[in-house]
Amino acid sequence: MDEIKNLLHYFIKDLLWAILPIFFTFIFACIAGMYFTEIWGRLTLGFMVFVFIILGYRKH
């Protein structure tokens, strides 16, 4: 039972620190793109593409 608890703790920690920040940043970029369609929305979406490319290269 203790092994399952440790595995669940590791999974939740990994979820919180690896996946959720990317998700929230993506949501922020979408909201910025909807409400600030001028330069800020484009810059935010462009920065998100840049971050996803960097994260893709970092995982390998």
Protein backbone atom coordinates (compact mmCIF):
# COMPACT_ATOMS: atom_id res chain seq x y z
CA MET A 1 0.00 0.00 0.00
CA ASP A 2 2.86 2.36 0.75
CA GLU A 3 4.30 1.83 -2.73
CA ILE A 4 1.02 2.85 -4.34
CA LYS A 5 0.88 5.93 -2.13
CA ASN A 6 4.41 6.93 -3.16
CA LEU A 7 3.62 6.34 -6.83
CA LEU A 8 0.45 8.43 -6.57
CA HIS A 9 2.38 11.21 -4.81
CA TYR A 10 5.02 11.23 -7.56
CA PHE A 11 2.33 11.29 -10.26
CA ILE A 12 0.48 14.21 -8.67
CA LYS A 13 3.73 16.13 -8.16
CA ASP A 14 4.71 15.54 -11.77
CA LEU A 15 1.25 16.59 -12.92
CA LEU A 16 1.34 19.80 -10.92
CA TRP A 17 4.83 20.91 -11.90
CA ALA A 18 5.03 19.69 -15.50
CA ILE A 19 1.60 19.69 -17.12
CA LEU A 20 -0.55 22.28 -15.38
CA PRO A 21 1.73 25.31 -15.96
CA ILE A 22 1.73 24.58 -19.69
CA PHE A 23 -2.06 24.18 -19.65
CA PHE A 24 -2.61 27.46 -17.79
CA THR A 25 -0.18 29.31 -20.04
CA PHE A 26 -2.00 27.99 -23.10
CA ILE A 27 -5.36 29.11 -21.67
CA PHE A 28 -3.87 32.54 -20.93
CA ALA A 29 -2.60 32.77 -24.51
CA CYS A 30 -6.03 31.91 -25.89
CA ILE A 31 -7.72 34.50 -23.69
CA ALA A 32 -5.14 37.12 -24.67
CA GLY A 33 -5.70 36.25 -28.33
CA MET A 34 -9.46 36.72 -27.95
CA TYR A 35 -9.46 39.97 -25.99
CA PHE A 36 -6.27 41.63 -27.27
CA THR A 37 -6.34 40.87 -30.97
CA GLU A 38 -3.77 43.52 -31.73
CA ILE A 39 -0.11 43.04 -30.93
CA TRP A 40 -0.39 41.46 -27.44
CA GLY A 41 -2.50 38.54 -28.54
CA ARG A 42 -0.16 37.77 -31.42
CA LEU A 43 2.91 38.12 -29.26
CA THR A 44 1.47 35.84 -26.60
CA LEU A 45 0.47 33.15 -29.09
CA GLY A 46 3.86 33.41 -30.79
CA PHE A 47 5.61 33.07 -27.46
CA MET A 48 3.52 29.98 -26.69
CA VAL A 49 4.64 28.36 -29.94
CA PHE A 50 8.23 29.17 -29.00
CA VAL A 51 7.77 27.65 -25.51
CA PHE A 52 6.23 24.47 -26.94
CA ILE A 53 9.14 24.10 -29.38
CA ILE A 54 11.69 24.56 -26.57
CA LEU A 55 9.85 22.08 -24.35
CA GLY A 56 9.70 19.59 -27.21
CA TYR A 57 13.46 19.72 -27.70
CA ARG A 58 14.09 19.60 -23.97
CA LYS A 59 12.15 16.35 -23.48
CA HIS A 60 14.33 14.42 -25.93
